[in-house]
Amino acid sequence: MKNTCKTEEQKEAIIAEYLLGGGSYRFLSKKYNVDFRIIHSWVMKFKGNKKAQIKKVPSADCLLSPTAPLLPTDVKQLQEELRKERLHNQLLNAMIDIAETELKIDIRKKSGTKQ
């Protein structure tokens, strides 16, 4: 029978390693001498806990491949693009409002209508 007495720090390290793609339940079971079903239960309990979530980090191979899309890193550029898109959305809504009042036709779909 495998030893399952682990401290909270050890449990969290095992859970983090699993969630970050460090290996399967059985691989981690052999590595840390813990039954794979116990590791599975720890992971499921952790996933149920909404306070702390670990994001899965893409592997270095994925980030360095030539076919991988380049990730934008300039936050100011993204904020400016978001501002422009919001302005564009407001402009389109204003055009629809003007068309509805001048043509007296309902353009926007009303909720609850049947097609």
PDB file of N, CA and C in Angstrom:
ATOM      1  N   MET A   1       0.846  -1.186   0.000  1.00  0.00           N
ATOM      2  CA  MET A   1       0.000   0.000   0.000  1.00  0.00           C
ATOM      3  C   MET A   1       0.884   1.240   0.000  1.00  0.00           C
ATOM      4  N   LYS A   2       0.484   2.201  -0.774  1.00  0.00           N
ATOM      5  CA  LYS A   2       1.303   3.396  -0.920  1.00  0.00           C
ATOM      6  C   LYS A   2       1.036   4.380   0.206  1.00  0.00           C
ATOM      7  N   ASN A   3       2.043   5.147   0.520  1.00  0.00           N
ATOM      8  CA  ASN A   3       1.947   6.155   1.575  1.00  0.00           C
ATOM      9  C   ASN A   3       1.143   7.349   1.061  1.00  0.00           C
ATOM     10  N   THR A   4       0.083   7.726   1.770  1.00  0.00           N
ATOM     11  CA  THR A   4      -0.742   8.847   1.335  1.00  0.00           C
ATOM     12  C   THR A   4      -0.653  10.031   2.279  1.00  0.00           C
ATOM     13  N   CYS A   5       0.191   9.959   3.293  1.00  0.00           N
ATOM     14  CA  CYS A   5       0.327  11.058   4.252  1.00  0.00           C
ATOM     15  C   CYS A   5       1.229  12.123   3.643  1.00  0.00           C
ATOM     16  N   LYS A   6       0.620  13.149   3.142  1.00  0.00           N
ATOM     17  CA  LYS A   6       1.371  14.245   2.520  1.00  0.00           C
ATOM     18  C   LYS A   6       0.925  15.550   3.160  1.00  0.00           C
ATOM     19  N   THR A   7       1.833  16.497   3.231  1.00  0.00           N
ATOM     20  CA  THR A   7       1.464  17.809   3.752  1.00  0.00           C
ATOM     21  C   THR A   7       0.663  18.550   2.692  1.00  0.00           C
ATOM     22  N   GLU A   8       0.021  19.623   3.106  1.00  0.00           N
ATOM     23  CA  GLU A   8      -0.772  20.420   2.161  1.00  0.00           C
ATOM     24  C   GLU A   8       0.099  20.973   1.048  1.00  0.00           C
ATOM     25  N   GLU A   9       1.329  21.363   1.374  1.00  0.00           N
ATOM     26  CA  GLU A   9       2.229  21.900   0.354  1.00  0.00           C
ATOM     27  C   GLU A   9       2.563  20.828  -0.688  1.00  0.00           C
ATOM     28  N   GLN A  10       2.786  19.591  -0.215  1.00  0.00           N
ATOM     29  CA  GLN A  10       3.083  18.513  -1.138  1.00  0.00           C
ATOM     30  C   GLN A  10       1.872  18.204  -2.019  1.00  0.00           C
ATOM     31  N   LYS A  11       0.685  18.215  -1.429  1.00  0.00           N
ATOM     32  CA  LYS A  11      -0.530  17.975  -2.200  1.00  0.00           C
ATOM     33  C   LYS A  11      -0.699  19.043  -3.278  1.00  0.00           C
ATOM     34  N   GLU A  12      -0.514  20.309  -2.891  1.00  0.00           N
ATOM     35  CA  GLU A  12      -0.663  21.405  -3.845  1.00  0.00           C
ATOM     36  C   GLU A  12       0.373  21.311  -4.959  1.00  0.00           C
ATOM     37  N   ALA A  13       1.583  20.872  -4.615  1.00  0.00           N
ATOM     38  CA  ALA A  13       2.619  20.729  -5.642  1.00  0.00           C
ATOM     39  C   ALA A  13       2.242  19.630  -6.632  1.00  0.00           C
ATOM     40  N   ILE A  14       1.694  18.530  -6.128  1.00  0.00           N
ATOM     41  CA  ILE A  14       1.282  17.432  -7.005  1.00  0.00           C
ATOM     42  C   ILE A  14       0.124  17.873  -7.891  1.00  0.00           C
ATOM     43  N   ILE A  15      -0.845  18.573  -7.299  1.00  0.00           N
ATOM     44  CA  ILE A  15      -2.003  19.065  -8.061  1.00  0.00           C
ATOM     45  C   ILE A  15      -1.533  20.031  -9.142  1.00  0.00           C
ATOM     46  N   ALA A  16      -0.648  20.949  -8.769  1.00  0.00           N
ATOM     47  CA  ALA A  16      -0.147  21.933  -9.731  1.00  0.00           C
ATOM     48  C   ALA A  16       0.607  21.249 -10.861  1.00  0.00           C
ATOM     49  N   GLU A  17       1.406  20.245 -10.517  1.00  0.00           N
ATOM     50  CA  GLU A  17       2.152  19.540 -11.553  1.00  0.00           C
ATOM     51  C   GLU A  17       1.203  18.838 -12.523  1.00  0.00           C
ATOM     52  N   TYR A  18       0.141  18.248 -11.999  1.00  0.00           N
ATOM     53  CA  TYR A  18      -0.825  17.590 -12.876  1.00  0.00           C
ATOM     54  C   TYR A  18      -1.517  18.611 -13.779  1.00  0.00           C
ATOM     55  N   LEU A  19      -1.989  19.719 -13.191  1.00  0.00           N
ATOM     56  CA  LEU A  19      -2.733  20.710 -13.968  1.00  0.00           C
ATOM     57  C   LEU A  19      -1.868  21.435 -14.989  1.00  0.00           C
ATOM     58  N   LEU A  20      -0.584  21.506 -14.721  1.00  0.00           N
ATOM     59  CA  LEU A  20       0.325  22.155 -15.671  1.00  0.00           C
ATOM     60  C   LEU A  20       0.851  21.181 -16.716  1.00  0.00           C
ATOM     61  N   GLY A  21       0.302  19.977 -16.736  1.00  0.00           N
ATOM     62  CA  GLY A  21       0.694  19.014 -17.751  1.00  0.00           C
ATOM     63  C   GLY A  21       1.949  18.242 -17.417  1.00  0.00           C
ATOM     64  N   GLY A  22       2.255  18.112 -16.131  1.00  0.00           N
ATOM     65  CA  GLY A  22       3.473  17.419 -15.716  1.00  0.00           C
ATOM     66  C   GLY A  22       3.394  15.911 -15.796  1.00  0.00           C
ATOM     67  N   GLY A  23       2.227  15.364 -16.062  1.00  0.00           N
ATOM     68  CA  GLY A  23       2.107  13.920 -16.179  1.00  0.00           C
ATOM     69  C   GLY A  23       0.706  13.457 -15.836  1.00  0.00           C
ATOM     70  N   SER A  24       0.477  12.191 -16.069  1.00  0.00           N
ATOM     71  CA  SER A  24      -0.832  11.611 -15.790  1.00  0.00           C
ATOM     72  C   SER A  24      -0.935  11.274 -14.309  1.00  0.00           C
ATOM     73  N   TYR A  25      -2.133  10.844 -13.912  1.00  0.00           N
ATOM     74  CA  TYR A  25      -2.333  10.436 -12.524  1.00  0.00           C
ATOM     75  C   TYR A  25      -1.407   9.265 -12.185  1.00  0.00           C
ATOM     76  N   ARG A  26      -1.308   8.324 -13.080  1.00  0.00           N
ATOM     77  CA  ARG A  26      -0.476   7.139 -12.812  1.00  0.00           C
ATOM     78  C   ARG A  26       1.012   7.491 -12.770  1.00  0.00           C
ATOM     79  N   PHE A  27       1.449   8.392 -13.638  1.00  0.00           N
ATOM     80  CA  PHE A  27       2.845   8.819 -13.620  1.00  0.00           C
ATOM     81  C   PHE A  27       3.170   9.498 -12.296  1.00  0.00           C
ATOM     82  N   LEU A  28       2.303  10.432 -11.878  1.00  0.00           N
ATOM     83  CA  LEU A  28       2.526  11.133 -10.619  1.00  0.00           C
ATOM     84  C   LEU A  28       2.393  10.182  -9.439  1.00  0.00           C
ATOM     85  N   SER A  29       1.547   9.172  -9.578  1.00  0.00           N
ATOM     86  CA  SER A  29       1.387   8.177  -8.531  1.00  0.00           C
ATOM     87  C   SER A  29       2.700   7.448  -8.276  1.00  0.00           C
ATOM     88  N   LYS A  30       3.363   7.056  -9.347  1.00  0.00           N
ATOM     89  CA  LYS A  30       4.646   6.375  -9.205  1.00  0.00           C
ATOM     90  C   LYS A  30       5.726   7.325  -8.696  1.00  0.00           C
ATOM     91  N   LYS A  31       5.694   8.549  -9.194  1.00  0.00           N
ATOM     92  CA  LYS A  31       6.731   9.524  -8.834  1.00  0.00           C
ATOM     93  C   LYS A  31       6.680   9.886  -7.354  1.00  0.00           C
ATOM     94  N   TYR A  32       5.467  10.099  -6.816  1.00  0.00           N
ATOM     95  CA  TYR A  32       5.325  10.558  -5.435  1.00  0.00           C
ATOM     96  C   TYR A  32       4.879   9.455  -4.474  1.00  0.00           C
ATOM     97  N   ASN A  33       4.741   8.216  -4.980  1.00  0.00           N
ATOM     98  CA  ASN A  33       4.349   7.085  -4.144  1.00  0.00           C
ATOM     99  C   ASN A  33       3.001   7.332  -3.452  1.00  0.00           C
ATOM    100  N   VAL A  34       2.032   7.773  -4.262  1.00  0.00           N
ATOM    101  CA  VAL A  34       0.668   8.019  -3.787  1.00  0.00           C
ATOM    102  C   VAL A  34      -0.271   7.327  -4.766  1.00  0.00           C
ATOM    103  N   ASP A  35      -1.340   6.739  -4.260  1.00  0.00           N
ATOM    104  CA  ASP A  35      -2.300   6.068  -5.117  1.00  0.00           C
ATOM    105  C   ASP A  35      -2.904   7.062  -6.114  1.00  0.00           C
ATOM    106  N   PHE A  36      -3.031   6.639  -7.376  1.00  0.00           N
ATOM    107  CA  PHE A  36      -3.516   7.560  -8.410  1.00  0.00           C
ATOM    108  C   PHE A  36      -4.946   8.021  -8.143  1.00  0.00           C
ATOM    109  N   ARG A  37      -5.747   7.195  -7.487  1.00  0.00           N
ATOM    110  CA  ARG A  37      -7.128   7.590  -7.177  1.00  0.00           C
ATOM    111  C   ARG A  37      -7.164   8.724  -6.159  1.00  0.00           C
ATOM    112  N   ILE A  38      -6.202   8.735  -5.262  1.00  0.00           N
ATOM    113  CA  ILE A  38      -6.131   9.821  -4.272  1.00  0.00           C
ATOM    114  C   ILE A  38      -5.730  11.118  -4.963  1.00  0.00           C
ATOM    115  N   ILE A  39      -4.768  11.034  -5.885  1.00  0.00           N
ATOM    116  CA  ILE A  39      -4.375  12.230  -6.640  1.00  0.00           C
ATOM    117  C   ILE A  39      -5.570  12.752  -7.431  1.00  0.00           C
ATOM    118  N   HIS A  40      -6.321  11.837  -8.023  1.00  0.00           N
ATOM    119  CA  HIS A  40      -7.515  12.235  -8.771  1.00  0.00           C
ATOM    120  C   HIS A  40      -8.504  12.955  -7.860  1.00  0.00           C
ATOM    121  N   SER A  41      -8.713  12.436  -6.662  1.00  0.00           N
ATOM    122  CA  SER A  41      -9.663  13.088  -5.742  1.00  0.00           C
ATOM    123  C   SER A  41      -9.157  14.461  -5.307  1.00  0.00           C
ATOM    124  N   TRP A  42      -7.847  14.591  -5.107  1.00  0.00           N
ATOM    125  CA  TRP A  42      -7.295  15.902  -4.762  1.00  0.00           C
ATOM    126  C   TRP A  42      -7.540  16.902  -5.881  1.00  0.00           C
ATOM    127  N   VAL A  43      -7.303  16.478  -7.109  1.00  0.00           N
ATOM    128  CA  VAL A  43      -7.476  17.366  -8.265  1.00  0.00           C
ATOM    129  C   VAL A  43      -8.951  17.765  -8.405  1.00  0.00           C
ATOM    130  N   MET A  44      -9.847  16.806  -8.238  1.00  0.00           N
ATOM    131  CA  MET A  44     -11.275  17.110  -8.362  1.00  0.00           C
ATOM    132  C   MET A  44     -11.726  18.070  -7.265  1.00  0.00           C
ATOM    133  N   LYS A  45     -11.226  17.891  -6.051  1.00  0.00           N
ATOM    134  CA  LYS A  45     -11.555  18.822  -4.960  1.00  0.00           C
ATOM    135  C   LYS A  45     -11.009  20.211  -5.274  1.00  0.00           C
ATOM    136  N   PHE A  46      -9.784  20.248  -5.819  1.00  0.00           N
ATOM    137  CA  PHE A  46      -9.183  21.532  -6.155  1.00  0.00           C
ATOM    138  C   PHE A  46      -9.958  22.236  -7.261  1.00  0.00           C
ATOM    139  N   LYS A  47     -10.372  21.493  -8.270  1.00  0.00           N
ATOM    140  CA  LYS A  47     -11.142  22.086  -9.361  1.00  0.00           C
ATOM    141  C   LYS A  47     -12.480  22.606  -8.868  1.00  0.00           C
ATOM    142  N   GLY A  48     -13.031  21.989  -7.844  1.00  0.00           N
ATOM    143  CA  GLY A  48     -14.282  22.458  -7.262  1.00  0.00           C
ATOM    144  C   GLY A  48     -14.094  23.734  -6.474  1.00  0.00           C
ATOM    145  N   ASN A  49     -12.870  23.994  -6.039  1.00  0.00           N
ATOM    146  CA  ASN A  49     -12.555  25.193  -5.277  1.00  0.00           C
ATOM    147  C   ASN A  49     -12.346  26.342  -6.248  1.00  0.00           C
ATOM    148  N   LYS A  50     -13.249  27.326  -6.245  1.00  0.00           N
ATOM    149  CA  LYS A  50     -13.188  28.428  -7.209  1.00  0.00           C
ATOM    150  C   LYS A  50     -12.246  29.546  -6.761  1.00  0.00           C
ATOM    151  N   LYS A  51     -11.716  29.462  -5.536  1.00  0.00           N
ATOM    152  CA  LYS A  51     -10.860  30.539  -5.038  1.00  0.00           C
ATOM    153  C   LYS A  51      -9.520  30.582  -5.757  1.00  0.00           C
ATOM    154  N   ALA A  52      -8.936  29.413  -5.976  1.00  0.00           N
ATOM    155  CA  ALA A  52      -7.607  29.376  -6.583  1.00  0.00           C
ATOM    156  C   ALA A  52      -7.641  28.467  -7.797  1.00  0.00           C
ATOM    157  N   GLN A  53      -7.338  29.015  -8.938  1.00  0.00           N
ATOM    158  CA  GLN A  53      -7.281  28.240 -10.171  1.00  0.00           C
ATOM    159  C   GLN A  53      -5.908  28.425 -10.784  1.00  0.00           C
ATOM    160  N   ILE A  54      -5.360  27.349 -11.325  1.00  0.00           N
ATOM    161  CA  ILE A  54      -4.071  27.417 -12.004  1.00  0.00           C
ATOM    162  C   ILE A  54      -4.344  27.370 -13.495  1.00  0.00           C
ATOM    163  N   LYS A  55      -3.806  28.336 -14.220  1.00  0.00           N
ATOM    164  CA  LYS A  55      -3.984  28.353 -15.666  1.00  0.00           C
ATOM    165  C   LYS A  55      -2.967  27.422 -16.294  1.00  0.00           C
ATOM    166  N   LYS A  56      -3.412  26.704 -17.298  1.00  0.00           N
ATOM    167  CA  LYS A  56      -2.527  25.792 -17.995  1.00  0.00           C
ATOM    168  C   LYS A  56      -1.614  26.621 -18.898  1.00  0.00           C
ATOM    169  N   VAL A  57      -0.327  26.464 -18.720  1.00  0.00           N
ATOM    170  CA  VAL A  57       0.658  27.221 -19.468  1.00  0.00           C
ATOM    171  C   VAL A  57       1.012  26.441 -20.721  1.00  0.00           C
ATOM    172  N   PRO A  58       0.972  27.091 -21.904  1.00  0.00           N
ATOM    173  CA  PRO A  58       1.353  26.370 -23.113  1.00  0.00           C
ATOM    174  C   PRO A  58       2.824  25.975 -23.059  1.00  0.00           C
ATOM    175  N   SER A  59       3.152  24.867 -23.670  1.00  0.00           N
ATOM    176  CA  SER A  59       4.526  24.390 -23.655  1.00  0.00           C
ATOM    177  C   SER A  59       5.407  25.310 -24.493  1.00  0.00           C
ATOM    178  N   ALA A  60       6.690  25.250 -24.240  1.00  0.00           N
ATOM    179  CA  ALA A  60       7.637  26.100 -24.958  1.00  0.00           C
ATOM    180  C   ALA A  60       7.669  25.745 -26.434  1.00  0.00           C
ATOM    181  N   ASP A  61       7.459  24.466 -26.759  1.00  0.00           N
ATOM    182  CA  ASP A  61       7.452  24.055 -28.162  1.00  0.00           C
ATOM    183  C   ASP A  61       6.331  24.746 -28.927  1.00  0.00           C
ATOM    184  N   CYS A  62       5.182  24.864 -28.294  1.00  0.00           N
ATOM    185  CA  CYS A  62       4.025  25.488 -28.935  1.00  0.00           C
ATOM    186  C   CYS A  62       4.286  26.975 -29.179  1.00  0.00           C
ATOM    187  N   LEU A  63       4.922  27.623 -28.212  1.00  0.00           N
ATOM    188  CA  LEU A  63       5.169  29.060 -28.338  1.00  0.00           C
ATOM    189  C   LEU A  63       6.250  29.376 -29.359  1.00  0.00           C
ATOM    190  N   LEU A  64       7.193  28.454 -29.558  1.00  0.00           N
ATOM    191  CA  LEU A  64       8.310  28.725 -30.438  1.00  0.00           C
ATOM    192  C   LEU A  64       8.110  28.219 -31.860  1.00  0.00           C
ATOM    193  N   SER A  65       7.015  27.512 -32.106  1.00  0.00           N
ATOM    194  CA  SER A  65       6.826  26.971 -33.448  1.00  0.00           C
ATOM    195  C   SER A  65       6.540  28.114 -34.423  1.00  0.00           C
ATOM    196  N   PRO A  66       7.028  28.008 -35.663  1.00  0.00           N
ATOM    197  CA  PRO A  66       6.849  29.093 -36.635  1.00  0.00           C
ATOM    198  C   PRO A  66       5.400  29.273 -37.064  1.00  0.00           C
ATOM    199  N   THR A  67       4.567  28.242 -36.904  1.00  0.00           N
ATOM    200  CA  THR A  67       3.174  28.370 -37.317  1.00  0.00           C
ATOM    201  C   THR A  67       2.295  28.934 -36.218  1.00  0.00           C
ATOM    202  N   ALA A  68       2.818  29.049 -35.004  1.00  0.00           N
ATOM    203  CA  ALA A  68       2.021  29.578 -33.897  1.00  0.00           C
ATOM    204  C   ALA A  68       1.777  31.064 -34.110  1.00  0.00           C
ATOM    205  N   PRO A  69       0.556  31.524 -33.830  1.00  0.00           N
ATOM    206  CA  PRO A  69       0.283  32.950 -34.004  1.00  0.00           C
ATOM    207  C   PRO A  69       1.044  33.772 -32.972  1.00  0.00           C
ATOM    208  N   LEU A  70       1.484  34.935 -33.387  1.00  0.00           N
ATOM    209  CA  LEU A  70       2.201  35.812 -32.470  1.00  0.00           C
ATOM    210  C   LEU A  70       1.208  36.463 -31.519  1.00  0.00           C
ATOM    211  N   LEU A  71       1.548  36.472 -30.248  1.00  0.00           N
ATOM    212  CA  LEU A  71       0.674  37.062 -29.256  1.00  0.00           C
ATOM    213  C   LEU A  71       0.997  38.543 -29.099  1.00  0.00           C
ATOM    214  N   PRO A  72      -0.025  39.397 -29.160  1.00  0.00           N
ATOM    215  CA  PRO A  72       0.244  40.816 -28.970  1.00  0.00           C
ATOM    216  C   PRO A  72       0.650  41.082 -27.529  1.00  0.00           C
ATOM    217  N   THR A  73       1.682  41.866 -27.365  1.00  0.00           N
ATOM    218  CA  THR A  73       2.174  42.143 -26.016  1.00  0.00           C
ATOM    219  C   THR A  73       1.966  43.596 -25.622  1.00  0.00           C
ATOM    220  N   ASP A  74       1.600  44.431 -26.551  1.00  0.00           N
ATOM    221  CA  ASP A  74       1.460  45.845 -26.253  1.00  0.00           C
ATOM    222  C   ASP A  74       0.039  46.116 -25.754  1.00  0.00           C
ATOM    223  N   VAL A  75      -0.095  46.348 -24.478  1.00  0.00           N
ATOM    224  CA  VAL A  75      -1.410  46.554 -23.871  1.00  0.00           C
ATOM    225  C   VAL A  75      -2.036  47.855 -24.365  1.00  0.00           C
ATOM    226  N   LYS A  76      -1.249  48.875 -24.539  1.00  0.00           N
ATOM    227  CA  LYS A  76      -1.789  50.155 -25.017  1.00  0.00           C
ATOM    228  C   LYS A  76      -2.403  49.997 -26.406  1.00  0.00           C
ATOM    229  N   GLN A  77      -1.750  49.231 -27.256  1.00  0.00           N
ATOM    230  CA  GLN A  77      -2.269  48.993 -28.603  1.00  0.00           C
ATOM    231  C   GLN A  77      -3.610  48.268 -28.512  1.00  0.00           C
ATOM    232  N   LEU A  78      -3.701  47.281 -27.640  1.00  0.00           N
ATOM    233  CA  LEU A  78      -4.956  46.542 -27.473  1.00  0.00           C
ATOM    234  C   LEU A  78      -6.062  47.439 -26.912  1.00  0.00           C
ATOM    235  N   GLN A  79      -5.700  48.311 -25.972  1.00  0.00           N
ATOM    236  CA  GLN A  79      -6.692  49.233 -25.423  1.00  0.00           C
ATOM    237  C   GLN A  79      -7.205  50.184 -26.497  1.00  0.00           C
ATOM    238  N   GLU A  80      -6.328  50.643 -27.360  1.00  0.00           N
ATOM    239  CA  GLU A  80      -6.726  51.544 -28.438  1.00  0.00           C
ATOM    240  C   GLU A  80      -7.645  50.825 -29.425  1.00  0.00           C
ATOM    241  N   GLU A  81      -7.312  49.572 -29.755  1.00  0.00           N
ATOM    242  CA  GLU A  81      -8.171  48.797 -30.651  1.00  0.00           C
ATOM    243  C   GLU A  81      -9.540  48.560 -30.033  1.00  0.00           C
ATOM    244  N   LEU A  82      -9.580  48.289 -28.735  1.00  0.00           N
ATOM    245  CA  LEU A  82     -10.846  48.086 -28.044  1.00  0.00           C
ATOM    246  C   LEU A  82     -11.672  49.369 -28.062  1.00  0.00           C
ATOM    247  N   ARG A  83     -11.020  50.509 -27.844  1.00  0.00           N
ATOM    248  CA  ARG A  83     -11.728  51.790 -27.879  1.00  0.00           C
ATOM    249  C   ARG A  83     -12.330  52.040 -29.256  1.00  0.00           C
ATOM    250  N   LYS A  84     -11.564  51.734 -30.317  1.00  0.00           N
ATOM    251  CA  LYS A  84     -12.060  51.925 -31.681  1.00  0.00           C
ATOM    252  C   LYS A  84     -13.244  51.004 -31.969  1.00  0.00           C
ATOM    253  N   GLU A  85     -13.171  49.766 -31.528  1.00  0.00           N
ATOM    254  CA  GLU A  85     -14.271  48.830 -31.763  1.00  0.00           C
ATOM    255  C   GLU A  85     -15.533  49.240 -31.008  1.00  0.00           C
ATOM    256  N   ARG A  86     -15.367  49.753 -29.805  1.00  0.00           N
ATOM    257  CA  ARG A  86     -16.533  50.231 -29.049  1.00  0.00           C
ATOM    258  C   ARG A  86     -17.163  51.427 -29.752  1.00  0.00           C
ATOM    259  N   LEU A  87     -16.324  52.322 -30.256  1.00  0.00           N
ATOM    260  CA  LEU A  87     -16.823  53.479 -30.987  1.00  0.00           C
ATOM    261  C   LEU A  87     -17.538  53.035 -32.265  1.00  0.00           C
ATOM    262  N   HIS A  88     -16.986  52.056 -32.939  1.00  0.00           N
ATOM    263  CA  HIS A  88     -17.608  51.519 -34.147  1.00  0.00           C
ATOM    264  C   HIS A  88     -18.975  50.912 -33.825  1.00  0.00           C
ATOM    265  N   ASN A  89     -19.056  50.200 -32.714  1.00  0.00           N
ATOM    266  CA  ASN A  89     -20.310  49.594 -32.282  1.00  0.00           C
ATOM    267  C   ASN A  89     -21.351  50.672 -31.971  1.00  0.00           C
ATOM    268  N   GLN A  90     -20.949  51.737 -31.307  1.00  0.00           N
ATOM    269  CA  GLN A  90     -21.867  52.844 -31.011  1.00  0.00           C
ATOM    270  C   GLN A  90     -22.358  53.489 -32.299  1.00  0.00           C
ATOM    271  N   LEU A  91     -21.458  53.639 -33.265  1.00  0.00           N
ATOM    272  CA  LEU A  91     -21.818  54.233 -34.542  1.00  0.00           C
ATOM    273  C   LEU A  91     -22.849  53.380 -35.273  1.00  0.00           C
ATOM    274  N   LEU A  92     -22.653  52.071 -35.283  1.00  0.00           N
ATOM    275  CA  LEU A  92     -23.608  51.180 -35.940  1.00  0.00           C
ATOM    276  C   LEU A  92     -24.971  51.223 -35.247  1.00  0.00           C
ATOM    277  N   ASN A  93     -24.966  51.256 -33.926  1.00  0.00           N
ATOM    278  CA  ASN A  93     -26.232  51.349 -33.198  1.00  0.00           C
ATOM    279  C   ASN A  93     -26.948  52.660 -33.499  1.00  0.00           C
ATOM    280  N   ALA A  94     -26.184  53.744 -33.608  1.00  0.00           N
ATOM    281  CA  ALA A  94     -26.793  55.038 -33.936  1.00  0.00           C
ATOM    282  C   ALA A  94     -27.384  55.013 -35.347  1.00  0.00           C
ATOM    283  N   MET A  95     -26.704  54.351 -36.292  1.00  0.00           N
ATOM    284  CA  MET A  95     -27.225  54.249 -37.653  1.00  0.00           C
ATOM    285  C   MET A  95     -28.537  53.459 -37.678  1.00  0.00           C
ATOM    286  N   ILE A  96     -28.600  52.392 -36.900  1.00  0.00           N
ATOM    287  CA  ILE A  96     -29.828  51.598 -36.838  1.00  0.00           C
ATOM    288  C   ILE A  96     -30.953  52.424 -36.228  1.00  0.00           C
ATOM    289  N   ASP A  97     -30.649  53.184 -35.175  1.00  0.00           N
ATOM    290  CA  ASP A  97     -31.661  54.034 -34.542  1.00  0.00           C
ATOM    291  C   ASP A  97     -32.205  55.064 -35.525  1.00  0.00           C
ATOM    292  N   ILE A  98     -31.325  55.700 -36.280  1.00  0.00           N
ATOM    293  CA  ILE A  98     -31.746  56.715 -37.251  1.00  0.00           C
ATOM    294  C   ILE A  98     -32.595  56.065 -38.343  1.00  0.00           C
ATOM    295  N   ALA A  99     -32.166  54.905 -38.833  1.00  0.00           N
ATOM    296  CA  ALA A  99     -32.927  54.224 -39.882  1.00  0.00           C
ATOM    297  C   ALA A  99     -34.313  53.821 -39.370  1.00  0.00           C
ATOM    298  N   GLU A 100     -34.407  53.384 -38.119  1.00  0.00           N
ATOM    299  CA  GLU A 100     -35.701  52.995 -37.566  1.00  0.00           C
ATOM    300  C   GLU A 100     -36.640  54.190 -37.448  1.00  0.00           C
ATOM    301  N   THR A 101     -36.113  55.345 -37.033  1.00  0.00           N
ATOM    302  CA  THR A 101     -36.982  56.514 -36.878  1.00  0.00           C
ATOM    303  C   THR A 101     -37.382  57.108 -38.223  1.00  0.00           C
ATOM    304  N   GLU A 102     -36.469  57.168 -39.191  1.00  0.00           N
ATOM    305  CA  GLU A 102     -36.791  57.763 -40.480  1.00  0.00           C
ATOM    306  C   GLU A 102     -37.667  56.856 -41.345  1.00  0.00           C
ATOM    307  N   LEU A 103     -37.385  55.558 -41.335  1.00  0.00           N
ATOM    308  CA  LEU A 103     -38.132  54.637 -42.181  1.00  0.00           C
ATOM    309  C   LEU A 103     -39.332  54.018 -41.468  1.00  0.00           C
ATOM    310  N   LYS A 104     -39.406  54.227 -40.160  1.00  0.00           N
ATOM    311  CA  LYS A 104     -40.486  53.690 -39.334  1.00  0.00           C
ATOM    312  C   LYS A 104     -40.637  52.179 -39.520  1.00  0.00           C
ATOM    313  N   ILE A 105     -39.479  51.501 -39.540  1.00  0.00           N
ATOM    314  CA  ILE A 105     -39.421  50.046 -39.649  1.00  0.00           C
ATOM    315  C   ILE A 105     -38.586  49.532 -38.481  1.00  0.00           C
ATOM    316  N   ASP A 106     -39.087  48.491 -37.817  1.00  0.00           N
ATOM    317  CA  ASP A 106     -38.309  47.872 -36.746  1.00  0.00           C
ATOM    318  C   ASP A 106     -37.210  47.013 -37.357  1.00  0.00           C
ATOM    319  N   ILE A 107     -35.971  47.398 -37.133  1.00  0.00           N
ATOM    320  CA  ILE A 107     -34.839  46.672 -37.698  1.00  0.00           C
ATOM    321  C   ILE A 107     -34.314  45.644 -36.691  1.00  0.00           C
ATOM    322  N   ARG A 108     -34.219  46.040 -35.445  1.00  0.00           N
ATOM    323  CA  ARG A 108     -33.715  45.119 -34.420  1.00  0.00           C
ATOM    324  C   ARG A 108     -34.757  44.060 -34.120  1.00  0.00           C
ATOM    325  N   LYS A 109     -34.275  42.864 -33.894  1.00  0.00           N
ATOM    326  CA  LYS A 109     -35.174  41.757 -33.570  1.00  0.00           C
ATOM    327  C   LYS A 109     -35.656  41.925 -32.136  1.00  0.00           C
ATOM    328  N   LYS A 110     -36.921  41.781 -31.946  1.00  0.00           N
ATOM    329  CA  LYS A 110     -37.504  41.886 -30.617  1.00  0.00           C
ATOM    330  C   LYS A 110     -37.384  40.540 -29.926  1.00  0.00           C
ATOM    331  N   SER A 111     -37.154  40.554 -28.640  1.00  0.00           N
ATOM    332  CA  SER A 111     -37.032  39.289 -27.910  1.00  0.00           C
ATOM    333  C   SER A 111     -38.391  38.606 -27.833  1.00  0.00           C
ATOM    334  N   GLY A 112     -38.371  37.293 -27.962  1.00  0.00           N
ATOM    335  CA  GLY A 112     -39.599  36.527 -27.852  1.00  0.00           C
ATOM    336  C   GLY A 112     -40.367  36.367 -29.152  1.00  0.00           C
ATOM    337  N   THR A 113     -39.867  36.912 -30.262  1.00  0.00           N
ATOM    338  CA  THR A 113     -40.565  36.769 -31.525  1.00  0.00           C
ATOM    339  C   THR A 113     -40.303  35.410 -32.111  1.00  0.00           C
ATOM    340  N   LYS A 114     -41.245  34.922 -32.879  1.00  0.00           N
ATOM    341  CA  LYS A 114     -41.114  33.612 -33.519  1.00  0.00           C
ATOM    342  C   LYS A 114     -40.801  33.825 -34.991  1.00  0.00           C
ATOM    343  N   GLN A 115     -39.987  32.940 -35.529  1.00  0.00           N
ATOM    344  CA  GLN A 115     -39.644  33.062 -36.942  1.00  0.00           C
ATOM    345  C   GLN A 115     -40.413  32.079 -37.771  1.00  0.00           C
TER     346      GLN A 115
END
